[in-house]
């Protein structure tokens, strides 16, 4: 199920980069018992850690996070490009599972991306044709051009992160955008404050994916939660240094995976990953010496 509650047609996808994943370790190899969640550098400029949420009305379960320094040597951003075959058939993408994307694209870490629609039946399958509900930008190629961009988190050629808001002239500035992913709008994190506009934020826990930045420090923060409210997942990002951010896709789409050659943690899917989605956001990074775990 995506953020708007339609399990058939929509799925919600996702510097120093910070990736926070909130939820159970479905893939195994990511324990978070006392003393085992201390931050550790798993790739050059990429730091991983975890914690366990105290059960409450806004959620429960594990919180996994990754912090990546966008200024570190070898750091690259990845956003799913449009699929040529899908485009020839009048669509934008083909659905893929996160473990396949991480392996094929040689990513250090990845999360699901933006909300999408697909020509799937009751079960979404890899290869199904899909369209993004909101814009994604991959190496200066924009998936869709519209004045209604909602929120767009983007990077220029120097990997400087920015967050465009709905009242800003996004389309006129698109030539500067090399990588970007957009979301449905609210709830948001602006200047370190969750939903500063005062708009109501749903409080029901569910699987959530969020993305945020600290522009001046060139930090990006990503979040995936297995059972957490929108407000709490954004507050968690703010607590670890994020300044501006938004939700991406959630529900059954929420997922995160760590790539091969990670030091100190097992490679593979951390949470989610069973449902294929249209777009992914990921990071490439340099490996660090010998791995501590197979």
C-alpha atoms as a PDB file:
ATOM      1  CA  UNK A   1       0.000   0.000   0.000  1.00  0.00           C
ATOM      2  CA  UNK A   2       1.273   3.481  -0.852  1.00  0.00           C
ATOM      3  CA  UNK A   3       0.985   6.661   1.160  1.00  0.00           C
ATOM      4  CA  UNK A   4      -2.498   7.346  -0.212  1.00  0.00           C
ATOM      5  CA  UNK A   5      -3.773   3.858   0.559  1.00  0.00           C
ATOM      6  CA  UNK A   6      -4.159   2.340  -2.935  1.00  0.00           C
ATOM      7  CA  UNK A   7      -2.376  -1.035  -3.005  1.00  0.00           C
ATOM      8  CA  UNK A   8      -2.993  -1.602  -6.731  1.00  0.00           C
ATOM      9  CA  UNK A   9      -2.247   1.634  -8.516  1.00  0.00           C
ATOM     10  CA  UNK A  10       0.235   3.510  -6.366  1.00  0.00           C
ATOM     11  CA  UNK A  11       3.393   2.847  -4.460  1.00  0.00           C
ATOM     12  CA  UNK A  12       5.500   5.366  -2.410  1.00  0.00           C
ATOM     13  CA  UNK A  13       9.239   5.092  -3.277  1.00  0.00           C
ATOM     14  CA  UNK A  14      12.795   7.125  -1.620  1.00  0.00           C
ATOM     15  CA  UNK A  15      24.590  14.254   2.221  1.00  0.00           C
ATOM     16  CA  UNK A  16      26.951  13.935   4.574  1.00  0.00           C
ATOM     17  CA  UNK A  17      23.974  11.651   3.251  1.00  0.00           C
ATOM     18  CA  UNK A  18      21.859  10.395   6.062  1.00  0.00           C
ATOM     19  CA  UNK A  19      19.626   7.423   5.494  1.00  0.00           C
ATOM     20  CA  UNK A  20      17.285   6.419   8.253  1.00  0.00           C
ATOM     21  CA  UNK A  21      15.265   3.255   7.949  1.00  0.00           C
ATOM     22  CA  UNK A  22      12.652   2.565  10.543  1.00  0.00           C
ATOM     23  CA  UNK A  23      11.374  -0.958  10.877  1.00  0.00           C
ATOM     24  CA  UNK A  24      12.226  -4.617  11.203  1.00  0.00           C
ATOM     25  CA  UNK A  25      15.194  -6.245   9.515  1.00  0.00           C
ATOM     26  CA  UNK A  26      13.270  -8.370   7.050  1.00  0.00           C
ATOM     27  CA  UNK A  27      16.382  -9.475   5.209  1.00  0.00           C
ATOM     28  CA  UNK A  28      18.349 -10.445   8.326  1.00  0.00           C
ATOM     29  CA  UNK A  29      21.916  -9.487   9.189  1.00  0.00           C
ATOM     30  CA  UNK A  30      21.017  -6.120  10.710  1.00  0.00           C
ATOM     31  CA  UNK A  31      20.574  -6.694  14.454  1.00  0.00           C
ATOM     32  CA  UNK A  32      19.958  -3.728  16.693  1.00  0.00           C
ATOM     33  CA  UNK A  33      20.292  -5.142  20.181  1.00  0.00           C
ATOM     34  CA  UNK A  34      21.833  -3.066  22.941  1.00  0.00           C
ATOM     35  CA  UNK A  35      25.360  -2.080  21.998  1.00  0.00           C
ATOM     36  CA  UNK A  36      25.022  -3.375  18.448  1.00  0.00           C
ATOM     37  CA  UNK A  37      23.626  -0.280  16.792  1.00  0.00           C
ATOM     38  CA  UNK A  38      26.581   2.024  17.270  1.00  0.00           C
ATOM     39  CA  UNK A  39      27.378   4.122  14.181  1.00  0.00           C
ATOM     40  CA  UNK A  40      29.994   2.624  11.869  1.00  0.00           C
ATOM     41  CA  UNK A  41      31.428   3.683   8.541  1.00  0.00           C
ATOM     42  CA  UNK A  42      30.410   1.035   5.982  1.00  0.00           C
ATOM     43  CA  UNK A  43      31.640   2.786   2.798  1.00  0.00           C
ATOM     44  CA  UNK A  44      33.776   5.866   2.235  1.00  0.00           C
ATOM     45  CA  UNK A  45      31.690   8.726   3.627  1.00  0.00           C
ATOM     46  CA  UNK A  46      28.757   6.427   4.447  1.00  0.00           C
ATOM     47  CA  UNK A  47      27.974   5.795   8.122  1.00  0.00           C
ATOM     48  CA  UNK A  48      25.389   3.262   9.341  1.00  0.00           C
ATOM     49  CA  UNK A  49      23.611   2.925  12.678  1.00  0.00           C
ATOM     50  CA  UNK A  50      20.329   1.791  14.219  1.00  0.00           C
ATOM     51  CA  UNK A  51      18.111   2.085  17.265  1.00  0.00           C
ATOM     52  CA  UNK A  52      14.857   0.609  18.555  1.00  0.00           C
ATOM     53  CA  UNK A  53      11.765   2.793  18.943  1.00  0.00           C
ATOM     54  CA  UNK A  54       9.830   2.599  22.187  1.00  0.00           C
ATOM     55  CA  UNK A  55       6.342   1.336  21.242  1.00  0.00           C
ATOM     56  CA  UNK A  56       3.729   4.092  21.212  1.00  0.00           C
ATOM     57  CA  UNK A  57       0.872   5.686  19.304  1.00  0.00           C
ATOM     58  CA  UNK A  58       3.242   6.934  16.600  1.00  0.00           C
ATOM     59  CA  UNK A  59       4.910   3.604  15.902  1.00  0.00           C
ATOM     60  CA  UNK A  60       7.328   0.952  17.054  1.00  0.00           C
ATOM     61  CA  UNK A  61      10.199  -1.181  15.765  1.00  0.00           C
ATOM     62  CA  UNK A  62      13.739  -0.590  14.630  1.00  0.00           C
ATOM     63  CA  UNK A  63      15.288   2.567  13.212  1.00  0.00           C
ATOM     64  CA  UNK A  64      18.104   2.008  10.731  1.00  0.00           C
ATOM     65  CA  UNK A  65      20.054   5.001   9.484  1.00  0.00           C
ATOM     66  CA  UNK A  66      22.853   5.767   7.079  1.00  0.00           C
ATOM     67  CA  UNK A  67      24.708   9.055   6.876  1.00  0.00           C
ATOM     68  CA  UNK A  68      26.629   9.874   3.703  1.00  0.00           C
ATOM     69  CA  UNK A  69      28.950  12.801   3.162  1.00  0.00           C
ATOM     70  CA  UNK A  70      28.257  14.233  -0.293  1.00  0.00           C
ATOM     71  CA  UNK A  71      31.737  15.761  -0.315  1.00  0.00           C
ATOM     72  CA  UNK A  72      33.489  12.408   0.231  1.00  0.00           C
ATOM     73  CA  UNK A  73      35.553  11.053  -2.687  1.00  0.00           C
ATOM     74  CA  UNK A  74      33.655   8.655  -4.912  1.00  0.00           C
ATOM     75  CA  UNK A  75      30.142   9.608  -3.800  1.00  0.00           C
ATOM     76  CA  UNK A  76      27.603   9.534  -6.644  1.00  0.00           C
ATOM     77  CA  UNK A  77      23.817   9.907  -6.675  1.00  0.00           C
ATOM     78  CA  UNK A  78      21.552   7.469  -8.510  1.00  0.00           C
ATOM     79  CA  UNK A  79      17.936   8.024  -9.581  1.00  0.00           C
ATOM     80  CA  UNK A  80      16.159   5.449 -11.758  1.00  0.00           C
ATOM     81  CA  UNK A  81      16.223   6.566 -15.419  1.00  0.00           C
ATOM     82  CA  UNK A  82      13.304   6.124 -17.786  1.00  0.00           C
ATOM     83  CA  UNK A  83      13.200   2.686 -19.418  1.00  0.00           C
ATOM     84  CA  UNK A  84      13.460   2.880 -23.251  1.00  0.00           C
ATOM     85  CA  UNK A  85      11.139  -0.078 -23.821  1.00  0.00           C
ATOM     86  CA  UNK A  86       8.539   1.319 -21.450  1.00  0.00           C
ATOM     87  CA  UNK A  87       8.766   4.717 -23.150  1.00  0.00           C
ATOM     88  CA  UNK A  88       8.187   3.114 -26.551  1.00  0.00           C
ATOM     89  CA  UNK A  89       4.976   1.626 -25.148  1.00  0.00           C
ATOM     90  CA  UNK A  90       3.745   4.936 -23.743  1.00  0.00           C
ATOM     91  CA  UNK A  91       4.998   4.405 -20.163  1.00  0.00           C
ATOM     92  CA  UNK A  92       8.081   5.591 -18.218  1.00  0.00           C
ATOM     93  CA  UNK A  93       9.420   2.658 -16.180  1.00  0.00           C
ATOM     94  CA  UNK A  94       9.350  -1.061 -15.540  1.00  0.00           C
ATOM     95  CA  UNK A  95       8.948  -2.251 -11.961  1.00  0.00           C
ATOM     96  CA  UNK A  96      12.078  -3.668 -10.308  1.00  0.00           C
ATOM     97  CA  UNK A  97      12.950  -5.063  -6.886  1.00  0.00           C
ATOM     98  CA  UNK A  98      15.434  -3.178  -4.753  1.00  0.00           C
ATOM     99  CA  UNK A  99      17.930  -6.046  -4.419  1.00  0.00           C
ATOM    100  CA  UNK A 100      18.205  -6.264  -8.224  1.00  0.00           C
ATOM    101  CA  UNK A 101      18.722  -2.509  -8.573  1.00  0.00           C
ATOM    102  CA  UNK A 102      21.424  -2.388  -5.885  1.00  0.00           C
ATOM    103  CA  UNK A 103      23.307  -5.269  -7.507  1.00  0.00           C
ATOM    104  CA  UNK A 104      22.986  -4.102 -11.117  1.00  0.00           C
ATOM    105  CA  UNK A 105      23.768  -0.435 -10.414  1.00  0.00           C
ATOM    106  CA  UNK A 106      26.541  -1.231  -7.890  1.00  0.00           C
ATOM    107  CA  UNK A 107      24.966   0.939  -5.191  1.00  0.00           C
ATOM    108  CA  UNK A 108      26.198   1.316  -1.627  1.00  0.00           C
ATOM    109  CA  UNK A 109      22.699   1.988  -0.342  1.00  0.00           C
ATOM    110  CA  UNK A 110      19.252   2.513  -1.866  1.00  0.00           C
ATOM    111  CA  UNK A 111      15.673   3.258  -0.887  1.00  0.00           C
ATOM    112  CA  UNK A 112      12.415   3.219  -2.835  1.00  0.00           C
ATOM    113  CA  UNK A 113      11.473   6.398  -4.678  1.00  0.00           C
ATOM    114  CA  UNK A 114       8.337   8.263  -5.626  1.00  0.00           C
ATOM    115  CA  UNK A 115       4.654   7.335  -5.807  1.00  0.00           C
ATOM    116  CA  UNK A 116       3.699   5.575  -9.063  1.00  0.00           C
ATOM    117  CA  UNK A 117       0.937   3.895 -11.036  1.00  0.00           C
ATOM    118  CA  UNK A 118       1.402   0.572 -12.856  1.00  0.00           C
ATOM    119  CA  UNK A 119      -0.413  -1.721 -15.289  1.00  0.00           C
ATOM    120  CA  UNK A 120      -0.233  -4.497 -12.705  1.00  0.00           C
ATOM    121  CA  UNK A 121      -3.045  -6.723 -11.530  1.00  0.00           C
ATOM    122  CA  UNK A 122      -3.593  -7.428  -7.858  1.00  0.00           C
ATOM    123  CA  UNK A 123       0.070  -8.350  -7.485  1.00  0.00           C
ATOM    124  CA  UNK A 124       2.827  -6.090  -8.766  1.00  0.00           C
ATOM    125  CA  UNK A 125       5.511  -8.033 -10.625  1.00  0.00           C
ATOM    126  CA  UNK A 126       8.992  -7.112 -11.905  1.00  0.00           C
ATOM    127  CA  UNK A 127       8.742  -5.888 -15.481  1.00  0.00           C
ATOM    128  CA  UNK A 128       5.249  -4.399 -15.167  1.00  0.00           C
ATOM    129  CA  UNK A 129       4.938  -1.040 -16.936  1.00  0.00           C
ATOM    130  CA  UNK A 130       4.692   2.020 -14.690  1.00  0.00           C
ATOM    131  CA  UNK A 131       4.509   5.813 -14.568  1.00  0.00           C
ATOM    132  CA  UNK A 132       5.767   8.085 -11.808  1.00  0.00           C
ATOM    133  CA  UNK A 133       3.068  10.161 -10.118  1.00  0.00           C
ATOM    134  CA  UNK A 134       5.596  12.942  -9.611  1.00  0.00           C
ATOM    135  CA  UNK A 135       8.810  13.996 -11.286  1.00  0.00           C
ATOM    136  CA  UNK A 136      12.151  12.226 -11.092  1.00  0.00           C
ATOM    137  CA  UNK A 137      15.322  13.546 -12.711  1.00  0.00           C
ATOM    138  CA  UNK A 138      18.104  11.165 -13.749  1.00  0.00           C
ATOM    139  CA  UNK A 139      21.310  12.687 -15.165  1.00  0.00           C
ATOM    140  CA  UNK A 140      19.437  15.813 -16.337  1.00  0.00           C
ATOM    141  CA  UNK A 141      16.623  13.783 -17.954  1.00  0.00           C
ATOM    142  CA  UNK A 142      13.247  14.707 -16.459  1.00  0.00           C
ATOM    143  CA  UNK A 143      10.556  12.030 -16.289  1.00  0.00           C
ATOM    144  CA  UNK A 144       7.736  14.565 -16.619  1.00  0.00           C
ATOM    145  CA  UNK A 145       7.520  18.345 -16.946  1.00  0.00           C
ATOM    146  CA  UNK A 146       4.744  20.052 -15.017  1.00  0.00           C
ATOM    147  CA  UNK A 147       4.156  23.259 -13.104  1.00  0.00           C
ATOM    148  CA  UNK A 148       2.748  21.101 -10.305  1.00  0.00           C
ATOM    149  CA  UNK A 149       5.998  19.668  -8.951  1.00  0.00           C
ATOM    150  CA  UNK A 150       4.972  19.716  -5.311  1.00  0.00           C
ATOM    151  CA  UNK A 151       8.286  19.321  -3.446  1.00  0.00           C
ATOM    152  CA  UNK A 152      11.402  18.427  -5.447  1.00  0.00           C
ATOM    153  CA  UNK A 153      14.633  17.443  -3.727  1.00  0.00           C
ATOM    154  CA  UNK A 154      17.426  17.846  -6.238  1.00  0.00           C
ATOM    155  CA  UNK A 155      21.175  18.000  -6.798  1.00  0.00           C
ATOM    156  CA  UNK A 156      23.230  20.072  -9.208  1.00  0.00           C
ATOM    157  CA  UNK A 157      26.383  18.920 -11.001  1.00  0.00           C
ATOM    158  CA  UNK A 158      28.430  19.508  -7.831  1.00  0.00           C
ATOM    159  CA  UNK A 159      25.997  17.371  -5.747  1.00  0.00           C
ATOM    160  CA  UNK A 160      24.836  20.401  -3.791  1.00  0.00           C
ATOM    161  CA  UNK A 161      21.372  19.468  -2.455  1.00  0.00           C
ATOM    162  CA  UNK A 162      18.312  21.721  -2.710  1.00  0.00           C
ATOM    163  CA  UNK A 163      14.619  21.458  -1.873  1.00  0.00           C
ATOM    164  CA  UNK A 164      12.154  23.279  -4.094  1.00  0.00           C
ATOM    165  CA  UNK A 165       8.788  24.131  -2.571  1.00  0.00           C
ATOM    166  CA  UNK A 166       5.481  24.555  -4.430  1.00  0.00           C
ATOM    167  CA  UNK A 167       5.625  28.367  -4.375  1.00  0.00           C
ATOM    168  CA  UNK A 168       8.950  28.408  -6.234  1.00  0.00           C
ATOM    169  CA  UNK A 169       9.327  28.540 -10.075  1.00  0.00           C
ATOM    170  CA  UNK A 170      10.613  25.004 -10.514  1.00  0.00           C
ATOM    171  CA  UNK A 171      10.269  24.494 -14.265  1.00  0.00           C
ATOM    172  CA  UNK A 172      12.332  27.558 -15.141  1.00  0.00           C
ATOM    173  CA  UNK A 173      15.250  26.164 -13.130  1.00  0.00           C
ATOM    174  CA  UNK A 174      15.195  22.579 -14.426  1.00  0.00           C
ATOM    175  CA  UNK A 175      18.426  22.901 -16.472  1.00  0.00           C
ATOM    176  CA  UNK A 176      20.354  23.052 -13.172  1.00  0.00           C
ATOM    177  CA  UNK A 177      18.894  19.777 -11.911  1.00  0.00           C
ATOM    178  CA  UNK A 178      21.069  16.706 -12.503  1.00  0.00           C
ATOM    179  CA  UNK A 179      19.363  14.356 -10.032  1.00  0.00           C
ATOM    180  CA  UNK A 180      16.005  14.823  -8.358  1.00  0.00           C
ATOM    181  CA  UNK A 181      13.012  13.128  -6.758  1.00  0.00           C
ATOM    182  CA  UNK A 182       9.685  14.696  -5.834  1.00  0.00           C
ATOM    183  CA  UNK A 183       6.905  13.966  -3.380  1.00  0.00           C
ATOM    184  CA  UNK A 184       3.211  14.688  -2.827  1.00  0.00           C
ATOM    185  CA  UNK A 185       3.674  17.826  -0.745  1.00  0.00           C
ATOM    186  CA  UNK A 186       2.769  17.559   2.934  1.00  0.00           C
ATOM    187  CA  UNK A 187       3.810  16.661   5.519  1.00  0.00           C
ATOM    188  CA  UNK A 188       7.128  18.430   5.279  1.00  0.00           C
ATOM    189  CA  UNK A 189      10.209  19.380   7.240  1.00  0.00           C
ATOM    190  CA  UNK A 190      11.252  23.013   6.704  1.00  0.00           C
ATOM    191  CA  UNK A 191      14.125  24.674   8.563  1.00  0.00           C
ATOM    192  CA  UNK A 192      14.242  21.832  11.047  1.00  0.00           C
ATOM    193  CA  UNK A 193      10.532  22.126  11.936  1.00  0.00           C
ATOM    194  CA  UNK A 194       7.968  19.460  11.019  1.00  0.00           C
ATOM    195  CA  UNK A 195       5.006  20.885   9.040  1.00  0.00           C
ATOM    196  CA  UNK A 196       5.752  24.551   9.818  1.00  0.00           C
ATOM    197  CA  UNK A 197       2.683  25.608   7.782  1.00  0.00           C
ATOM    198  CA  UNK A 198       0.501  24.232  10.558  1.00  0.00           C
ATOM    199  CA  UNK A 199      -1.253  21.776   8.274  1.00  0.00           C
ATOM    200  CA  UNK A 200      -2.431  18.598   9.957  1.00  0.00           C
ATOM    201  CA  UNK A 201      -0.196  15.529   9.621  1.00  0.00           C
ATOM    202  CA  UNK A 202      -1.665  12.020   9.684  1.00  0.00           C
ATOM    203  CA  UNK A 203      -0.707  10.333  12.924  1.00  0.00           C
ATOM    204  CA  UNK A 204      -1.370   6.718  11.956  1.00  0.00           C
ATOM    205  CA  UNK A 205       1.737   4.496  11.889  1.00  0.00           C
ATOM    206  CA  UNK A 206       2.550   2.666   8.653  1.00  0.00           C
ATOM    207  CA  UNK A 207       5.589   1.921   6.538  1.00  0.00           C
ATOM    208  CA  UNK A 208       7.019   5.308   5.525  1.00  0.00           C
ATOM    209  CA  UNK A 209       9.811   6.626   3.329  1.00  0.00           C
ATOM    210  CA  UNK A 210      11.173  10.160   3.633  1.00  0.00           C
ATOM    211  CA  UNK A 211      14.046  12.233   2.302  1.00  0.00           C
ATOM    212  CA  UNK A 212      15.669  15.399   3.673  1.00  0.00           C
ATOM    213  CA  UNK A 213      18.783  17.558   3.427  1.00  0.00           C
ATOM    214  CA  UNK A 214      21.068  20.000   5.153  1.00  0.00           C
ATOM    215  CA  UNK A 215      22.055  22.069   2.141  1.00  0.00           C
ATOM    216  CA  UNK A 216      24.890  24.180   3.577  1.00  0.00           C
ATOM    217  CA  UNK A 217      26.647  21.092   4.989  1.00  0.00           C
ATOM    218  CA  UNK A 218      25.935  19.045   1.838  1.00  0.00           C
ATOM    219  CA  UNK A 219      24.114  16.365   3.805  1.00  0.00           C
ATOM    220  CA  UNK A 220      21.243  14.207   2.576  1.00  0.00           C
ATOM    221  CA  UNK A 221      18.992  12.244   4.913  1.00  0.00           C
ATOM    222  CA  UNK A 222      16.756   9.390   3.815  1.00  0.00           C
ATOM    223  CA  UNK A 223      14.266   7.546   5.992  1.00  0.00           C
ATOM    224  CA  UNK A 224      12.275   4.326   5.700  1.00  0.00           C
ATOM    225  CA  UNK A 225       9.963   3.274   8.503  1.00  0.00           C
ATOM    226  CA  UNK A 226       8.204  -0.047   8.926  1.00  0.00           C
ATOM    227  CA  UNK A 227       5.616   1.221  11.417  1.00  0.00           C
ATOM    228  CA  UNK A 228       5.877   4.928  12.127  1.00  0.00           C
ATOM    229  CA  UNK A 229       3.790   8.089  11.755  1.00  0.00           C
ATOM    230  CA  UNK A 230       4.690  10.751   9.165  1.00  0.00           C
ATOM    231  CA  UNK A 231       5.409  13.288  11.900  1.00  0.00           C
ATOM    232  CA  UNK A 232       7.727  10.978  13.814  1.00  0.00           C
ATOM    233  CA  UNK A 233       9.747   9.870  10.799  1.00  0.00           C
ATOM    234  CA  UNK A 234      10.347  13.506   9.833  1.00  0.00           C
ATOM    235  CA  UNK A 235      11.200  14.396  13.428  1.00  0.00           C
ATOM    236  CA  UNK A 236      13.714  11.537  13.505  1.00  0.00           C
ATOM    237  CA  UNK A 237      15.402  13.066  10.463  1.00  0.00           C
ATOM    238  CA  UNK A 238      15.455  16.474  12.145  1.00  0.00           C
ATOM    239  CA  UNK A 239      16.961  14.929  15.270  1.00  0.00           C
ATOM    240  CA  UNK A 240      19.989  13.692  13.324  1.00  0.00           C
ATOM    241  CA  UNK A 241      20.577  17.013  11.561  1.00  0.00           C
ATOM    242  CA  UNK A 242      18.155  17.292   8.633  1.00  0.00           C
ATOM    243  CA  UNK A 243      16.837  20.758   7.832  1.00  0.00           C
ATOM    244  CA  UNK A 244      14.407  20.382   4.908  1.00  0.00           C
ATOM    245  CA  UNK A 245      12.580  17.286   3.693  1.00  0.00           C
ATOM    246  CA  UNK A 246       9.411  15.454   2.706  1.00  0.00           C
ATOM    247  CA  UNK A 247       7.752  12.051   2.433  1.00  0.00           C
ATOM    248  CA  UNK A 248       8.193   9.784  -0.581  1.00  0.00           C
ATOM    249  CA  UNK A 249       6.250   6.569  -1.212  1.00  0.00           C
ATOM    250  CA  UNK A 250       5.411   4.255   1.674  1.00  0.00           C
ATOM    251  CA  UNK A 251       3.266   1.296   2.599  1.00  0.00           C
ATOM    252  CA  UNK A 252       4.306  -1.878   0.802  1.00  0.00           C
ATOM    253  CA  UNK A 253       6.787   0.112  -1.285  1.00  0.00           C
ATOM    254  CA  UNK A 254       9.008   1.169   1.613  1.00  0.00           C
ATOM    255  CA  UNK A 255      12.386  -0.555   1.425  1.00  0.00           C
ATOM    256  CA  UNK A 256      16.110  -0.106   1.924  1.00  0.00           C
ATOM    257  CA  UNK A 257      19.090  -2.226   0.923  1.00  0.00           C
ATOM    258  CA  UNK A 258      22.852  -2.086   1.465  1.00  0.00           C
ATOM    259  CA  UNK A 259      25.243  -2.986  -1.328  1.00  0.00           C
ATOM    260  CA  UNK A 260      28.002  -5.550  -1.484  1.00  0.00           C
ATOM    261  CA  UNK A 261      31.393  -4.775   0.056  1.00  0.00           C
ATOM    262  CA  UNK A 262      29.859  -2.906   2.981  1.00  0.00           C
ATOM    263  CA  UNK A 263      32.186  -2.999   5.987  1.00  0.00           C
ATOM    264  CA  UNK A 264      30.738  -4.160   9.306  1.00  0.00           C
ATOM    265  CA  UNK A 265      27.223  -5.088   8.111  1.00  0.00           C
ATOM    266  CA  UNK A 266      25.756  -7.730   5.806  1.00  0.00           C
ATOM    267  CA  UNK A 267      24.848  -6.723   2.277  1.00  0.00           C
ATOM    268  CA  UNK A 268      21.230  -7.143   1.222  1.00  0.00           C
ATOM    269  CA  UNK A 269      17.715  -5.924   1.957  1.00  0.00           C
ATOM    270  CA  UNK A 270      17.378  -4.316   5.377  1.00  0.00           C
ATOM    271  CA  UNK A 271      13.603  -3.864   5.368  1.00  0.00           C
ATOM    272  CA  UNK A 272      10.830  -4.318   2.800  1.00  0.00           C
ATOM    273  CA  UNK A 273      11.968  -5.193  -0.696  1.00  0.00           C
ATOM    274  CA  UNK A 274       9.439  -7.861  -1.621  1.00  0.00           C
ATOM    275  CA  UNK A 275       7.337  -5.525  -3.796  1.00  0.00           C
ATOM    276  CA  UNK A 276       8.905  -4.096  -6.991  1.00  0.00           C
ATOM    277  CA  UNK A 277       8.541  -0.341  -7.556  1.00  0.00           C
ATOM    278  CA  UNK A 278       9.147   2.127 -10.381  1.00  0.00           C
ATOM    279  CA  UNK A 279      11.919   4.388  -9.068  1.00  0.00           C
ATOM    280  CA  UNK A 280      14.766   4.180  -6.580  1.00  0.00           C
ATOM    281  CA  UNK A 281      17.116   6.647  -4.978  1.00  0.00           C
ATOM    282  CA  UNK A 282      20.608   5.401  -4.261  1.00  0.00           C
ATOM    283  CA  UNK A 283      24.228   6.228  -3.568  1.00  0.00           C
ATOM    284  CA  UNK A 284      27.481   4.859  -4.975  1.00  0.00           C
ATOM    285  CA  UNK A 285      30.543   5.031  -2.713  1.00  0.00           C
ATOM    286  CA  UNK A 286      34.067   3.674  -2.375  1.00  0.00           C
ATOM    287  CA  UNK A 287      34.589   0.497  -0.378  1.00  0.00           C
ATOM    288  CA  UNK A 288      36.563   0.480   2.878  1.00  0.00           C
ATOM    289  CA  UNK A 289      39.229  -2.215   3.204  1.00  0.00           C
ATOM    290  CA  UNK A 290      38.090  -5.684   4.217  1.00  0.00           C
ATOM    291  CA  UNK A 291      34.505  -6.425   5.197  1.00  0.00           C
ATOM    292  CA  UNK A 292      33.869  -7.461   8.783  1.00  0.00           C
ATOM    293  CA  UNK A 293      30.911  -9.675   7.899  1.00  0.00           C
ATOM    294  CA  UNK A 294      30.332 -11.965   4.885  1.00  0.00           C
END
